[in-house]
Amino acid sequence: METVTITEMIGSEGEEEEVFLEASLEGAPLFANTSYKNLLEDFNNPDLGYLVLSLLVAMVWAVYIILFNARVQGRILTALLRRFVKSGDLSIGSFSLSVLSGQIMFSNVIYVTEDYSLHS
């Protein structure tokens, strides 16, 4: 067992405290009782693969919701409204419904007939 002396300066007085270490500081392993072979075997664990797969799916889903969901809803709403609107051409770029704030948002709405056109 090694003895290490630590000096702490408190105010103008110096106190010395002895600390006993169970292992030497030089050559101490990064993880206790772990070898590199055990670390490499952990990569073959199927639970790690499921974790990585679930994280990738969650990231892709978040990017879809943030960036593309309003545009997909706009295409679906355009296809539904074209069945009911017989005169003219209707196109909706994006549609977003916010339930908590009570907002309905449209973007790039285009309605063209023979007499007039509406673009917003």
PDB file of N, CA and C in Angstrom:
ATOM      1  N   MET A   1       0.838  -1.160   0.000  1.00  0.00           N
ATOM      2  CA  MET A   1       0.000   0.000   0.000  1.00  0.00           C
ATOM      3  C   MET A   1       0.891   1.233   0.000  1.00  0.00           C
ATOM      4  N   GLU A   2       0.491   2.186  -0.840  1.00  0.00           N
ATOM      5  CA  GLU A   2       1.261   3.411  -0.933  1.00  0.00           C
ATOM      6  C   GLU A   2       0.633   4.490  -0.074  1.00  0.00           C
ATOM      7  N   THR A   3       1.471   5.379   0.373  1.00  0.00           N
ATOM      8  CA  THR A   3       0.986   6.521   1.148  1.00  0.00           C
ATOM      9  C   THR A   3       1.264   7.782   0.358  1.00  0.00           C
ATOM     10  N   VAL A   4       0.217   8.563   0.150  1.00  0.00           N
ATOM     11  CA  VAL A   4       0.353   9.809  -0.586  1.00  0.00           C
ATOM     12  C   VAL A   4       0.014  10.935   0.358  1.00  0.00           C
ATOM     13  N   THR A   5       0.821  11.967   0.365  1.00  0.00           N
ATOM     14  CA  THR A   5       0.570  13.121   1.226  1.00  0.00           C
ATOM     15  C   THR A   5       0.012  14.257   0.371  1.00  0.00           C
ATOM     16  N   ILE A   6      -1.147  14.760   0.754  1.00  0.00           N
ATOM     17  CA  ILE A   6      -1.791  15.862   0.046  1.00  0.00           C
ATOM     18  C   ILE A   6      -1.729  17.084   0.938  1.00  0.00           C
ATOM     19  N   THR A   7      -1.245  18.160   0.393  1.00  0.00           N
ATOM     20  CA  THR A   7      -1.143  19.398   1.164  1.00  0.00           C
ATOM     21  C   THR A   7      -2.216  20.353   0.690  1.00  0.00           C
ATOM     22  N   GLU A   8      -3.052  20.804   1.606  1.00  0.00           N
ATOM     23  CA  GLU A   8      -4.091  21.777   1.294  1.00  0.00           C
ATOM     24  C   GLU A   8      -3.774  23.042   2.052  1.00  0.00           C
ATOM     25  N   MET A   9      -3.901  24.149   1.396  1.00  0.00           N
ATOM     26  CA  MET A   9      -3.659  25.433   2.037  1.00  0.00           C
ATOM     27  C   MET A   9      -5.001  26.031   2.432  1.00  0.00           C
ATOM     28  N   ILE A  10      -5.249  26.162   3.686  1.00  0.00           N
ATOM     29  CA  ILE A  10      -6.465  26.775   4.190  1.00  0.00           C
ATOM     30  C   ILE A  10      -6.048  28.031   4.930  1.00  0.00           C
ATOM     31  N   GLY A  11      -6.411  29.171   4.353  1.00  0.00           N
ATOM     32  CA  GLY A  11      -5.994  30.441   4.964  1.00  0.00           C
ATOM     33  C   GLY A  11      -4.484  30.550   4.912  1.00  0.00           C
ATOM     34  N   SER A  12      -3.881  30.808   6.040  1.00  0.00           N
ATOM     35  CA  SER A  12      -2.431  30.916   6.105  1.00  0.00           C
ATOM     36  C   SER A  12      -1.825  29.641   6.675  1.00  0.00           C
ATOM     37  N   GLU A  13      -2.674  28.734   7.143  1.00  0.00           N
ATOM     38  CA  GLU A  13      -2.164  27.491   7.736  1.00  0.00           C
ATOM     39  C   GLU A  13      -2.135  26.395   6.676  1.00  0.00           C
ATOM     40  N   GLY A  14      -1.177  25.530   6.767  1.00  0.00           N
ATOM     41  CA  GLY A  14      -1.089  24.400   5.860  1.00  0.00           C
ATOM     42  C   GLY A  14      -1.358  23.110   6.619  1.00  0.00           C
ATOM     43  N   GLU A  15      -2.296  22.317   6.116  1.00  0.00           N
ATOM     44  CA  GLU A  15      -2.606  21.037   6.747  1.00  0.00           C
ATOM     45  C   GLU A  15      -2.184  19.920   5.814  1.00  0.00           C
ATOM     46  N   GLU A  16      -1.675  18.854   6.401  1.00  0.00           N
ATOM     47  CA  GLU A  16      -1.309  17.700   5.609  1.00  0.00           C
ATOM     48  C   GLU A  16      -2.215  16.538   5.976  1.00  0.00           C
ATOM     49  N   GLU A  17      -2.665  15.821   4.938  1.00  0.00           N
ATOM     50  CA  GLU A  17      -3.568  14.699   5.161  1.00  0.00           C
ATOM     51  C   GLU A  17      -2.989  13.495   4.440  1.00  0.00           C
ATOM     52  N   GLU A  18      -2.970  12.345   5.101  1.00  0.00           N
ATOM     53  CA  GLU A  18      -2.455  11.143   4.482  1.00  0.00           C
ATOM     54  C   GLU A  18      -3.603  10.356   3.879  1.00  0.00           C
ATOM     55  N   VAL A  19      -3.402   9.943   2.638  1.00  0.00           N
ATOM     56  CA  VAL A  19      -4.412   9.160   1.912  1.00  0.00           C
ATOM     57  C   VAL A  19      -3.761   7.848   1.532  1.00  0.00           C
ATOM     58  N   PHE A  20      -4.446   6.748   1.786  1.00  0.00           N
ATOM     59  CA  PHE A  20      -3.925   5.426   1.461  1.00  0.00           C
ATOM     60  C   PHE A  20      -4.610   4.924   0.193  1.00  0.00           C
ATOM     61  N   LEU A  21      -3.793   4.575  -0.796  1.00  0.00           N
ATOM     62  CA  LEU A  21      -4.318   4.050  -2.054  1.00  0.00           C
ATOM     63  C   LEU A  21      -4.153   2.543  -2.069  1.00  0.00           C
ATOM     64  N   GLU A  22      -5.175   1.860  -2.617  1.00  0.00           N
ATOM     65  CA  GLU A  22      -5.106   0.403  -2.679  1.00  0.00           C
ATOM     66  C   GLU A  22      -4.330  -0.069  -3.900  1.00  0.00           C
ATOM     67  N   ALA A  23      -4.247   0.734  -4.940  1.00  0.00           N
ATOM     68  CA  ALA A  23      -3.522   0.345  -6.142  1.00  0.00           C
ATOM     69  C   ALA A  23      -2.581   1.473  -6.521  1.00  0.00           C
ATOM     70  N   SER A  24      -1.563   1.133  -7.269  1.00  0.00           N
ATOM     71  CA  SER A  24      -0.627   2.161  -7.692  1.00  0.00           C
ATOM     72  C   SER A  24      -1.262   2.991  -8.804  1.00  0.00           C
ATOM     73  N   LEU A  25      -0.808   4.219  -8.941  1.00  0.00           N
ATOM     74  CA  LEU A  25      -1.364   5.098  -9.952  1.00  0.00           C
ATOM     75  C   LEU A  25      -0.840   4.781 -11.341  1.00  0.00           C
ATOM     76  N   GLU A  26       0.376   4.299 -11.438  1.00  0.00           N
ATOM     77  CA  GLU A  26       0.956   3.992 -12.736  1.00  0.00           C
ATOM     78  C   GLU A  26       0.434   2.659 -13.226  1.00  0.00           C
ATOM     79  N   GLY A  27      -0.013   2.633 -14.474  1.00  0.00           N
ATOM     80  CA  GLY A  27      -0.484   1.386 -15.078  1.00  0.00           C
ATOM     81  C   GLY A  27      -1.840   0.958 -14.576  1.00  0.00           C
ATOM     82  N   ALA A  28      -2.610   1.843 -13.972  1.00  0.00           N
ATOM     83  CA  ALA A  28      -3.942   1.486 -13.501  1.00  0.00           C
ATOM     84  C   ALA A  28      -4.857   1.304 -14.703  1.00  0.00           C
ATOM     85  N   PRO A  29      -5.698   0.272 -14.697  1.00  0.00           N
ATOM     86  CA  PRO A  29      -6.585   0.048 -15.841  1.00  0.00           C
ATOM     87  C   PRO A  29      -7.654   1.147 -15.910  1.00  0.00           C
ATOM     88  N   LEU A  30      -8.141   1.369 -17.145  1.00  0.00           N
ATOM     89  CA  LEU A  30      -9.170   2.387 -17.346  1.00  0.00           C
ATOM     90  C   LEU A  30     -10.462   1.992 -16.640  1.00  0.00           C
ATOM     91  N   PHE A  31     -10.817   0.742 -16.756  1.00  0.00           N
ATOM     92  CA  PHE A  31     -11.994   0.207 -16.072  1.00  0.00           C
ATOM     93  C   PHE A  31     -11.524  -0.920 -15.164  1.00  0.00           C
ATOM     94  N   ALA A  32     -12.083  -1.011 -13.994  1.00  0.00           N
ATOM     95  CA  ALA A  32     -11.669  -2.057 -13.062  1.00  0.00           C
ATOM     96  C   ALA A  32     -12.147  -3.416 -13.576  1.00  0.00           C
ATOM     97  N   ASN A  33     -11.272  -4.384 -13.572  1.00  0.00           N
ATOM     98  CA  ASN A  33     -11.555  -5.765 -13.953  1.00  0.00           C
ATOM     99  C   ASN A  33     -12.137  -5.881 -15.360  1.00  0.00           C
ATOM    100  N   THR A  34     -11.686  -5.067 -16.289  1.00  0.00           N
ATOM    101  CA  THR A  34     -12.166  -5.120 -17.658  1.00  0.00           C
ATOM    102  C   THR A  34     -10.968  -5.187 -18.586  1.00  0.00           C
ATOM    103  N   SER A  35     -11.015  -6.110 -19.513  1.00  0.00           N
ATOM    104  CA  SER A  35      -9.955  -6.205 -20.501  1.00  0.00           C
ATOM    105  C   SER A  35     -10.508  -5.749 -21.845  1.00  0.00           C
ATOM    106  N   TYR A  36      -9.628  -5.561 -22.814  1.00  0.00           N
ATOM    107  CA  TYR A  36     -10.057  -5.137 -24.139  1.00  0.00           C
ATOM    108  C   TYR A  36     -10.895  -6.210 -24.815  1.00  0.00           C
ATOM    109  N   LYS A  37     -10.651  -7.460 -24.514  1.00  0.00           N
ATOM    110  CA  LYS A  37     -11.432  -8.548 -25.114  1.00  0.00           C
ATOM    111  C   LYS A  37     -12.889  -8.451 -24.679  1.00  0.00           C
ATOM    112  N   ASN A  38     -13.139  -8.139 -23.419  1.00  0.00           N
ATOM    113  CA  ASN A  38     -14.516  -7.999 -22.946  1.00  0.00           C
ATOM    114  C   ASN A  38     -15.198  -6.794 -23.582  1.00  0.00           C
ATOM    115  N   LEU A  39     -14.450  -5.727 -23.836  1.00  0.00           N
ATOM    116  CA  LEU A  39     -15.040  -4.553 -24.473  1.00  0.00           C
ATOM    117  C   LEU A  39     -15.457  -4.863 -25.903  1.00  0.00           C
ATOM    118  N   LEU A  40     -14.641  -5.628 -26.634  1.00  0.00           N
ATOM    119  CA  LEU A  40     -14.980  -5.975 -28.011  1.00  0.00           C
ATOM    120  C   LEU A  40     -16.153  -6.947 -28.074  1.00  0.00           C
ATOM    121  N   GLU A  41     -16.308  -7.793 -27.079  1.00  0.00           N
ATOM    122  CA  GLU A  41     -17.434  -8.726 -27.066  1.00  0.00           C
ATOM    123  C   GLU A  41     -18.756  -8.000 -26.846  1.00  0.00           C
ATOM    124  N   ASP A  42     -18.730  -6.838 -26.193  1.00  0.00           N
ATOM    125  CA  ASP A  42     -19.959  -6.083 -25.974  1.00  0.00           C
ATOM    126  C   ASP A  42     -20.550  -5.551 -27.273  1.00  0.00           C
ATOM    127  N   PHE A  43     -19.725  -5.353 -28.316  1.00  0.00           N
ATOM    128  CA  PHE A  43     -20.238  -4.866 -29.596  1.00  0.00           C
ATOM    129  C   PHE A  43     -21.055  -5.930 -30.320  1.00  0.00           C
ATOM    130  N   ASN A  44     -20.888  -7.197 -29.987  1.00  0.00           N
ATOM    131  CA  ASN A  44     -21.667  -8.260 -30.598  1.00  0.00           C
ATOM    132  C   ASN A  44     -22.982  -8.494 -29.876  1.00  0.00           C
ATOM    133  N   ASN A  45     -23.286  -7.716 -28.867  1.00  0.00           N
ATOM    134  CA  ASN A  45     -24.519  -7.855 -28.107  1.00  0.00           C
ATOM    135  C   ASN A  45     -25.693  -7.381 -28.968  1.00  0.00           C
ATOM    136  N   PRO A  46     -26.743  -8.207 -29.151  1.00  0.00           N
ATOM    137  CA  PRO A  46     -27.877  -7.778 -29.984  1.00  0.00           C
ATOM    138  C   PRO A  46     -28.645  -6.613 -29.385  1.00  0.00           C
ATOM    139  N   ASP A  47     -28.608  -6.441 -28.074  1.00  0.00           N
ATOM    140  CA  ASP A  47     -29.299  -5.314 -27.459  1.00  0.00           C
ATOM    141  C   ASP A  47     -28.693  -3.986 -27.902  1.00  0.00           C
ATOM    142  N   LEU A  48     -27.391  -3.962 -28.131  1.00  0.00           N
ATOM    143  CA  LEU A  48     -26.742  -2.757 -28.621  1.00  0.00           C
ATOM    144  C   LEU A  48     -27.221  -2.425 -30.027  1.00  0.00           C
ATOM    145  N   GLY A  49     -27.408  -3.436 -30.854  1.00  0.00           N
ATOM    146  CA  GLY A  49     -27.929  -3.223 -32.205  1.00  0.00           C
ATOM    147  C   GLY A  49     -29.343  -2.674 -32.182  1.00  0.00           C
ATOM    148  N   TYR A  50     -30.183  -3.198 -31.293  1.00  0.00           N
ATOM    149  CA  TYR A  50     -31.545  -2.688 -31.174  1.00  0.00           C
ATOM    150  C   TYR A  50     -31.552  -1.249 -30.666  1.00  0.00           C
ATOM    151  N   LEU A  51     -30.630  -0.932 -29.787  1.00  0.00           N
ATOM    152  CA  LEU A  51     -30.525   0.435 -29.273  1.00  0.00           C
ATOM    153  C   LEU A  51     -30.152   1.401 -30.390  1.00  0.00           C
ATOM    154  N   VAL A  52     -29.147   1.040 -31.186  1.00  0.00           N
ATOM    155  CA  VAL A  52     -28.716   1.899 -32.289  1.00  0.00           C
ATOM    156  C   VAL A  52     -29.834   2.032 -33.320  1.00  0.00           C
ATOM    157  N   LEU A  53     -30.518   0.926 -33.636  1.00  0.00           N
ATOM    158  CA  LEU A  53     -31.614   0.968 -34.595  1.00  0.00           C
ATOM    159  C   LEU A  53     -32.749   1.855 -34.101  1.00  0.00           C
ATOM    160  N   SER A  54     -33.100   1.737 -32.833  1.00  0.00           N
ATOM    161  CA  SER A  54     -34.185   2.568 -32.303  1.00  0.00           C
ATOM    162  C   SER A  54     -33.799   4.041 -32.278  1.00  0.00           C
ATOM    163  N   LEU A  55     -32.536   4.351 -31.999  1.00  0.00           N
ATOM    164  CA  LEU A  55     -32.094   5.747 -32.035  1.00  0.00           C
ATOM    165  C   LEU A  55     -32.134   6.306 -33.453  1.00  0.00           C
ATOM    166  N   LEU A  56     -31.727   5.513 -34.441  1.00  0.00           N
ATOM    167  CA  LEU A  56     -31.782   5.971 -35.828  1.00  0.00           C
ATOM    168  C   LEU A  56     -33.218   6.191 -36.287  1.00  0.00           C
ATOM    169  N   VAL A  57     -34.124   5.284 -35.924  1.00  0.00           N
ATOM    170  CA  VAL A  57     -35.531   5.444 -36.294  1.00  0.00           C
ATOM    171  C   VAL A  57     -36.116   6.682 -35.628  1.00  0.00           C
ATOM    172  N   ALA A  58     -35.773   6.930 -34.381  1.00  0.00           N
ATOM    173  CA  ALA A  58     -36.272   8.116 -33.689  1.00  0.00           C
ATOM    174  C   ALA A  58     -35.744   9.399 -34.334  1.00  0.00           C
ATOM    175  N   MET A  59     -34.494   9.403 -34.763  1.00  0.00           N
ATOM    176  CA  MET A  59     -33.934  10.581 -35.416  1.00  0.00           C
ATOM    177  C   MET A  59     -34.609  10.835 -36.765  1.00  0.00           C
ATOM    178  N   VAL A  60     -34.820   9.777 -37.554  1.00  0.00           N
ATOM    179  CA  VAL A  60     -35.475   9.928 -38.854  1.00  0.00           C
ATOM    180  C   VAL A  60     -36.909  10.408 -38.664  1.00  0.00           C
ATOM    181  N   TRP A  61     -37.613   9.864 -37.679  1.00  0.00           N
ATOM    182  CA  TRP A  61     -38.988  10.279 -37.416  1.00  0.00           C
ATOM    183  C   TRP A  61     -39.052  11.747 -36.980  1.00  0.00           C
ATOM    184  N   ALA A  62     -38.130  12.188 -36.163  1.00  0.00           N
ATOM    185  CA  ALA A  62     -38.113  13.581 -35.722  1.00  0.00           C
ATOM    186  C   ALA A  62     -37.846  14.523 -36.896  1.00  0.00           C
ATOM    187  N   VAL A  63     -36.923  14.160 -37.779  1.00  0.00           N
ATOM    188  CA  VAL A  63     -36.638  14.991 -38.954  1.00  0.00           C
ATOM    189  C   VAL A  63     -37.862  15.045 -39.859  1.00  0.00           C
ATOM    190  N   TYR A  64     -38.556  13.916 -40.040  1.00  0.00           N
ATOM    191  CA  TYR A  64     -39.770  13.902 -40.859  1.00  0.00           C
ATOM    192  C   TYR A  64     -40.835  14.815 -40.262  1.00  0.00           C
ATOM    193  N   ILE A  65     -41.084  14.708 -38.967  1.00  0.00           N
ATOM    194  CA  ILE A  65     -42.123  15.514 -38.322  1.00  0.00           C
ATOM    195  C   ILE A  65     -41.785  17.002 -38.406  1.00  0.00           C
ATOM    196  N   ILE A  66     -40.534  17.344 -38.197  1.00  0.00           N
ATOM    197  CA  ILE A  66     -40.145  18.755 -38.173  1.00  0.00           C
ATOM    198  C   ILE A  66     -40.149  19.363 -39.575  1.00  0.00           C
ATOM    199  N   LEU A  67     -39.652  18.641 -40.574  1.00  0.00           N
ATOM    200  CA  LEU A  67     -39.427  19.246 -41.880  1.00  0.00           C
ATOM    201  C   LEU A  67     -40.453  18.890 -42.952  1.00  0.00           C
ATOM    202  N   PHE A  68     -41.004  17.671 -42.959  1.00  0.00           N
ATOM    203  CA  PHE A  68     -41.763  17.213 -44.108  1.00  0.00           C
ATOM    204  C   PHE A  68     -43.238  16.932 -43.843  1.00  0.00           C
ATOM    205  N   ASN A  69     -43.664  16.851 -42.613  1.00  0.00           N
ATOM    206  CA  ASN A  69     -45.029  16.441 -42.318  1.00  0.00           C
ATOM    207  C   ASN A  69     -46.055  17.429 -42.874  1.00  0.00           C
ATOM    208  N   ALA A  70     -45.819  18.720 -42.785  1.00  0.00           N
ATOM    209  CA  ALA A  70     -46.764  19.717 -43.282  1.00  0.00           C
ATOM    210  C   ALA A  70     -46.923  19.620 -44.800  1.00  0.00           C
ATOM    211  N   ARG A  71     -45.857  19.330 -45.510  1.00  0.00           N
ATOM    212  CA  ARG A  71     -45.933  19.203 -46.964  1.00  0.00           C
ATOM    213  C   ARG A  71     -46.705  17.949 -47.377  1.00  0.00           C
ATOM    214  N   VAL A  72     -46.500  16.862 -46.666  1.00  0.00           N
ATOM    215  CA  VAL A  72     -47.235  15.633 -46.967  1.00  0.00           C
ATOM    216  C   VAL A  72     -48.720  15.839 -46.677  1.00  0.00           C
ATOM    217  N   GLN A  73     -49.045  16.500 -45.574  1.00  0.00           N
ATOM    218  CA  GLN A  73     -50.440  16.791 -45.267  1.00  0.00           C
ATOM    219  C   GLN A  73     -51.046  17.714 -46.317  1.00  0.00           C
ATOM    220  N   GLY A  74     -50.277  18.640 -46.852  1.00  0.00           N
ATOM    221  CA  GLY A  74     -50.748  19.519 -47.914  1.00  0.00           C
ATOM    222  C   GLY A  74     -51.083  18.749 -49.174  1.00  0.00           C
ATOM    223  N   ARG A  75     -50.263  17.779 -49.534  1.00  0.00           N
ATOM    224  CA  ARG A  75     -50.537  16.945 -50.715  1.00  0.00           C
ATOM    225  C   ARG A  75     -51.800  16.110 -50.511  1.00  0.00           C
ATOM    226  N   ILE A  76     -51.961  15.556 -49.312  1.00  0.00           N
ATOM    227  CA  ILE A  76     -53.156  14.749 -49.023  1.00  0.00           C
ATOM    228  C   ILE A  76     -54.407  15.617 -49.052  1.00  0.00           C
ATOM    229  N   LEU A  77     -54.345  16.804 -48.449  1.00  0.00           N
ATOM    230  CA  LEU A  77     -55.488  17.714 -48.447  1.00  0.00           C
ATOM    231  C   LEU A  77     -55.820  18.185 -49.860  1.00  0.00           C
ATOM    232  N   THR A  78     -54.794  18.417 -50.688  1.00  0.00           N
ATOM    233  CA  THR A  78     -55.022  18.794 -52.079  1.00  0.00           C
ATOM    234  C   THR A  78     -55.748  17.678 -52.831  1.00  0.00           C
ATOM    235  N   ALA A  79     -55.323  16.433 -52.630  1.00  0.00           N
ATOM    236  CA  ALA A  79     -55.974  15.306 -53.310  1.00  0.00           C
ATOM    237  C   ALA A  79     -57.418  15.155 -52.866  1.00  0.00           C
ATOM    238  N   LEU A  80     -57.710  15.381 -51.582  1.00  0.00           N
ATOM    239  CA  LEU A  80     -59.088  15.276 -51.097  1.00  0.00           C
ATOM    240  C   LEU A  80     -59.966  16.406 -51.628  1.00  0.00           C
ATOM    241  N   LEU A  81     -59.451  17.632 -51.616  1.00  0.00           N
ATOM    242  CA  LEU A  81     -60.253  18.763 -52.068  1.00  0.00           C
ATOM    243  C   LEU A  81     -60.476  18.769 -53.575  1.00  0.00           C
ATOM    244  N   ARG A  82     -59.575  18.212 -54.346  1.00  0.00           N
ATOM    245  CA  ARG A  82     -59.755  18.144 -55.803  1.00  0.00           C
ATOM    246  C   ARG A  82     -60.930  17.248 -56.183  1.00  0.00           C
ATOM    247  N   ARG A  83     -61.288  16.296 -55.324  1.00  0.00           N
ATOM    248  CA  ARG A  83     -62.452  15.443 -55.595  1.00  0.00           C
ATOM    249  C   ARG A  83     -63.753  16.234 -55.461  1.00  0.00           C
ATOM    250  N   PHE A  84     -63.765  17.238 -54.565  1.00  0.00           N
ATOM    251  CA  PHE A  84     -64.984  17.998 -54.318  1.00  0.00           C
ATOM    252  C   PHE A  84     -65.071  19.264 -55.155  1.00  0.00           C
ATOM    253  N   VAL A  85     -63.957  19.854 -55.527  1.00  0.00           N
ATOM    254  CA  VAL A  85     -63.944  21.079 -56.331  1.00  0.00           C
ATOM    255  C   VAL A  85     -63.818  20.671 -57.791  1.00  0.00           C
ATOM    256  N   LYS A  86     -64.918  20.868 -58.544  1.00  0.00           N
ATOM    257  CA  LYS A  86     -64.927  20.423 -59.940  1.00  0.00           C
ATOM    258  C   LYS A  86     -64.425  21.489 -60.906  1.00  0.00           C
ATOM    259  N   SER A  87     -64.608  22.773 -60.559  1.00  0.00           N
ATOM    260  CA  SER A  87     -64.178  23.827 -61.470  1.00  0.00           C
ATOM    261  C   SER A  87     -62.830  24.373 -61.018  1.00  0.00           C
ATOM    262  N   GLY A  88     -61.924  24.529 -61.952  1.00  0.00           N
ATOM    263  CA  GLY A  88     -60.637  25.125 -61.645  1.00  0.00           C
ATOM    264  C   GLY A  88     -59.619  24.112 -61.135  1.00  0.00           C
ATOM    265  N   ASP A  89     -58.466  24.633 -60.873  1.00  0.00           N
ATOM    266  CA  ASP A  89     -57.354  23.822 -60.386  1.00  0.00           C
ATOM    267  C   ASP A  89     -56.979  24.302 -58.988  1.00  0.00           C
ATOM    268  N   LEU A  90     -56.852  23.382 -58.047  1.00  0.00           N
ATOM    269  CA  LEU A  90     -56.543  23.694 -56.653  1.00  0.00           C
ATOM    270  C   LEU A  90     -55.243  23.016 -56.255  1.00  0.00           C
ATOM    271  N   SER A  91     -54.387  23.754 -55.570  1.00  0.00           N
ATOM    272  CA  SER A  91     -53.125  23.199 -55.081  1.00  0.00           C
ATOM    273  C   SER A  91     -52.798  23.826 -53.730  1.00  0.00           C
ATOM    274  N   ILE A  92     -52.413  22.981 -52.773  1.00  0.00           N
ATOM    275  CA  ILE A  92     -52.010  23.444 -51.442  1.00  0.00           C
ATOM    276  C   ILE A  92     -50.596  22.935 -51.197  1.00  0.00           C
ATOM    277  N   GLY A  93     -49.672  23.867 -50.934  1.00  0.00           N
ATOM    278  CA  GLY A  93     -48.275  23.495 -50.722  1.00  0.00           C
ATOM    279  C   GLY A  93     -48.043  22.795 -49.404  1.00  0.00           C
ATOM    280  N   SER A  94     -48.554  23.369 -48.299  1.00  0.00           N
ATOM    281  CA  SER A  94     -48.403  22.734 -46.996  1.00  0.00           C
ATOM    282  C   SER A  94     -49.577  23.106 -46.107  1.00  0.00           C
ATOM    283  N   PHE A  95     -49.871  22.229 -45.179  1.00  0.00           N
ATOM    284  CA  PHE A  95     -50.997  22.399 -44.265  1.00  0.00           C
ATOM    285  C   PHE A  95     -50.532  21.976 -42.886  1.00  0.00           C
ATOM    286  N   SER A  96     -50.818  22.817 -41.892  1.00  0.00           N
ATOM    287  CA  SER A  96     -50.418  22.490 -40.525  1.00  0.00           C
ATOM    288  C   SER A  96     -51.559  22.831 -39.584  1.00  0.00           C
ATOM    289  N   LEU A  97     -51.868  21.908 -38.703  1.00  0.00           N
ATOM    290  CA  LEU A  97     -52.924  22.087 -37.721  1.00  0.00           C
ATOM    291  C   LEU A  97     -52.295  22.027 -36.336  1.00  0.00           C
ATOM    292  N   SER A  98     -52.395  23.118 -35.587  1.00  0.00           N
ATOM    293  CA  SER A  98     -51.869  23.178 -34.225  1.00  0.00           C
ATOM    294  C   SER A  98     -53.050  23.199 -33.264  1.00  0.00           C
ATOM    295  N   VAL A  99     -53.259  22.101 -32.572  1.00  0.00           N
ATOM    296  CA  VAL A  99     -54.426  21.960 -31.714  1.00  0.00           C
ATOM    297  C   VAL A  99     -54.283  22.816 -30.454  1.00  0.00           C
ATOM    298  N   LEU A 100     -53.126  22.819 -29.831  1.00  0.00           N
ATOM    299  CA  LEU A 100     -52.952  23.554 -28.585  1.00  0.00           C
ATOM    300  C   LEU A 100     -53.072  25.069 -28.769  1.00  0.00           C
ATOM    301  N   SER A 101     -52.514  25.591 -29.847  1.00  0.00           N
ATOM    302  CA  SER A 101     -52.590  27.038 -30.061  1.00  0.00           C
ATOM    303  C   SER A 101     -53.811  27.428 -30.881  1.00  0.00           C
ATOM    304  N   GLY A 102     -54.547  26.465 -31.427  1.00  0.00           N
ATOM    305  CA  GLY A 102     -55.752  26.755 -32.188  1.00  0.00           C
ATOM    306  C   GLY A 102     -55.477  27.388 -33.530  1.00  0.00           C
ATOM    307  N   GLN A 103     -54.440  26.952 -34.225  1.00  0.00           N
ATOM    308  CA  GLN A 103     -54.073  27.541 -35.501  1.00  0.00           C
ATOM    309  C   GLN A 103     -54.231  26.527 -36.622  1.00  0.00           C
ATOM    310  N   ILE A 104     -54.719  27.012 -37.750  1.00  0.00           N
ATOM    311  CA  ILE A 104     -54.723  26.246 -38.990  1.00  0.00           C
ATOM    312  C   ILE A 104     -53.913  27.077 -39.974  1.00  0.00           C
ATOM    313  N   MET A 105     -52.841  26.517 -40.486  1.00  0.00           N
ATOM    314  CA  MET A 105     -51.938  27.272 -41.353  1.00  0.00           C
ATOM    315  C   MET A 105     -51.854  26.617 -42.725  1.00  0.00           C
ATOM    316  N   PHE A 106     -52.002  27.435 -43.769  1.00  0.00           N
ATOM    317  CA  PHE A 106     -51.846  27.006 -45.145  1.00  0.00           C
ATOM    318  C   PHE A 106     -50.676  27.754 -45.741  1.00  0.00           C
ATOM    319  N   SER A 107     -50.027  27.140 -46.709  1.00  0.00           N
ATOM    320  CA  SER A 107     -48.948  27.807 -47.416  1.00  0.00           C
ATOM    321  C   SER A 107     -49.029  27.422 -48.892  1.00  0.00           C
ATOM    322  N   ASN A 108     -48.758  28.380 -49.770  1.00  0.00           N
ATOM    323  CA  ASN A 108     -48.767  28.173 -51.222  1.00  0.00           C
ATOM    324  C   ASN A 108     -50.101  27.613 -51.710  1.00  0.00           C
ATOM    325  N   VAL A 109     -51.182  28.281 -51.339  1.00  0.00           N
ATOM    326  CA  VAL A 109     -52.504  27.886 -51.817  1.00  0.00           C
ATOM    327  C   VAL A 109     -52.725  28.554 -53.166  1.00  0.00           C
ATOM    328  N   ILE A 110     -53.028  27.751 -54.176  1.00  0.00           N
ATOM    329  CA  ILE A 110     -53.259  28.254 -55.532  1.00  0.00           C
ATOM    330  C   ILE A 110     -54.584  27.687 -56.021  1.00  0.00           C
ATOM    331  N   TYR A 111     -55.473  28.601 -56.432  1.00  0.00           N
ATOM    332  CA  TYR A 111     -56.758  28.203 -56.992  1.00  0.00           C
ATOM    333  C   TYR A 111     -56.948  28.990 -58.282  1.00  0.00           C
ATOM    334  N   VAL A 112     -57.027  28.305 -59.394  1.00  0.00           N
ATOM    335  CA  VAL A 112     -57.082  28.941 -60.711  1.00  0.00           C
ATOM    336  C   VAL A 112     -58.356  28.480 -61.412  1.00  0.00           C
ATOM    337  N   THR A 113     -59.167  29.445 -61.873  1.00  0.00           N
ATOM    338  CA  THR A 113     -60.334  29.156 -62.711  1.00  0.00           C
ATOM    339  C   THR A 113     -60.202  29.950 -64.005  1.00  0.00           C
ATOM    340  N   GLU A 114     -61.215  29.859 -64.857  1.00  0.00           N
ATOM    341  CA  GLU A 114     -61.182  30.602 -66.099  1.00  0.00           C
ATOM    342  C   GLU A 114     -61.300  32.100 -65.868  1.00  0.00           C
ATOM    343  N   ASP A 115     -62.021  32.522 -64.830  1.00  0.00           N
ATOM    344  CA  ASP A 115     -62.305  33.933 -64.583  1.00  0.00           C
ATOM    345  C   ASP A 115     -61.275  34.610 -63.677  1.00  0.00           C
ATOM    346  N   TYR A 116     -60.759  33.898 -62.704  1.00  0.00           N
ATOM    347  CA  TYR A 116     -59.859  34.538 -61.731  1.00  0.00           C
ATOM    348  C   TYR A 116     -58.895  33.492 -61.173  1.00  0.00           C
ATOM    349  N   SER A 117     -57.906  33.994 -60.454  1.00  0.00           N
ATOM    350  CA  SER A 117     -56.959  33.109 -59.784  1.00  0.00           C
ATOM    351  C   SER A 117     -56.683  33.637 -58.393  1.00  0.00           C
ATOM    352  N   LEU A 118     -56.446  32.744 -57.481  1.00  0.00           N
ATOM    353  CA  LEU A 118     -56.128  33.082 -56.102  1.00  0.00           C
ATOM    354  C   LEU A 118     -54.805  32.424 -55.750  1.00  0.00           C
ATOM    355  N   HIS A 119     -53.916  33.242 -55.248  1.00  0.00           N
ATOM    356  CA  HIS A 119     -52.583  32.737 -54.879  1.00  0.00           C
ATOM    357  C   HIS A 119     -52.177  33.382 -53.560  1.00  0.00           C
ATOM    358  N   SER A 120     -51.819  32.561 -52.586  1.00  0.00           N
ATOM    359  CA  SER A 120     -51.372  33.113 -51.305  1.00  0.00           C
ATOM    360  C   SER A 120     -50.172  32.357 -50.790  1.00  0.00           C
TER     361      SER A 120
END
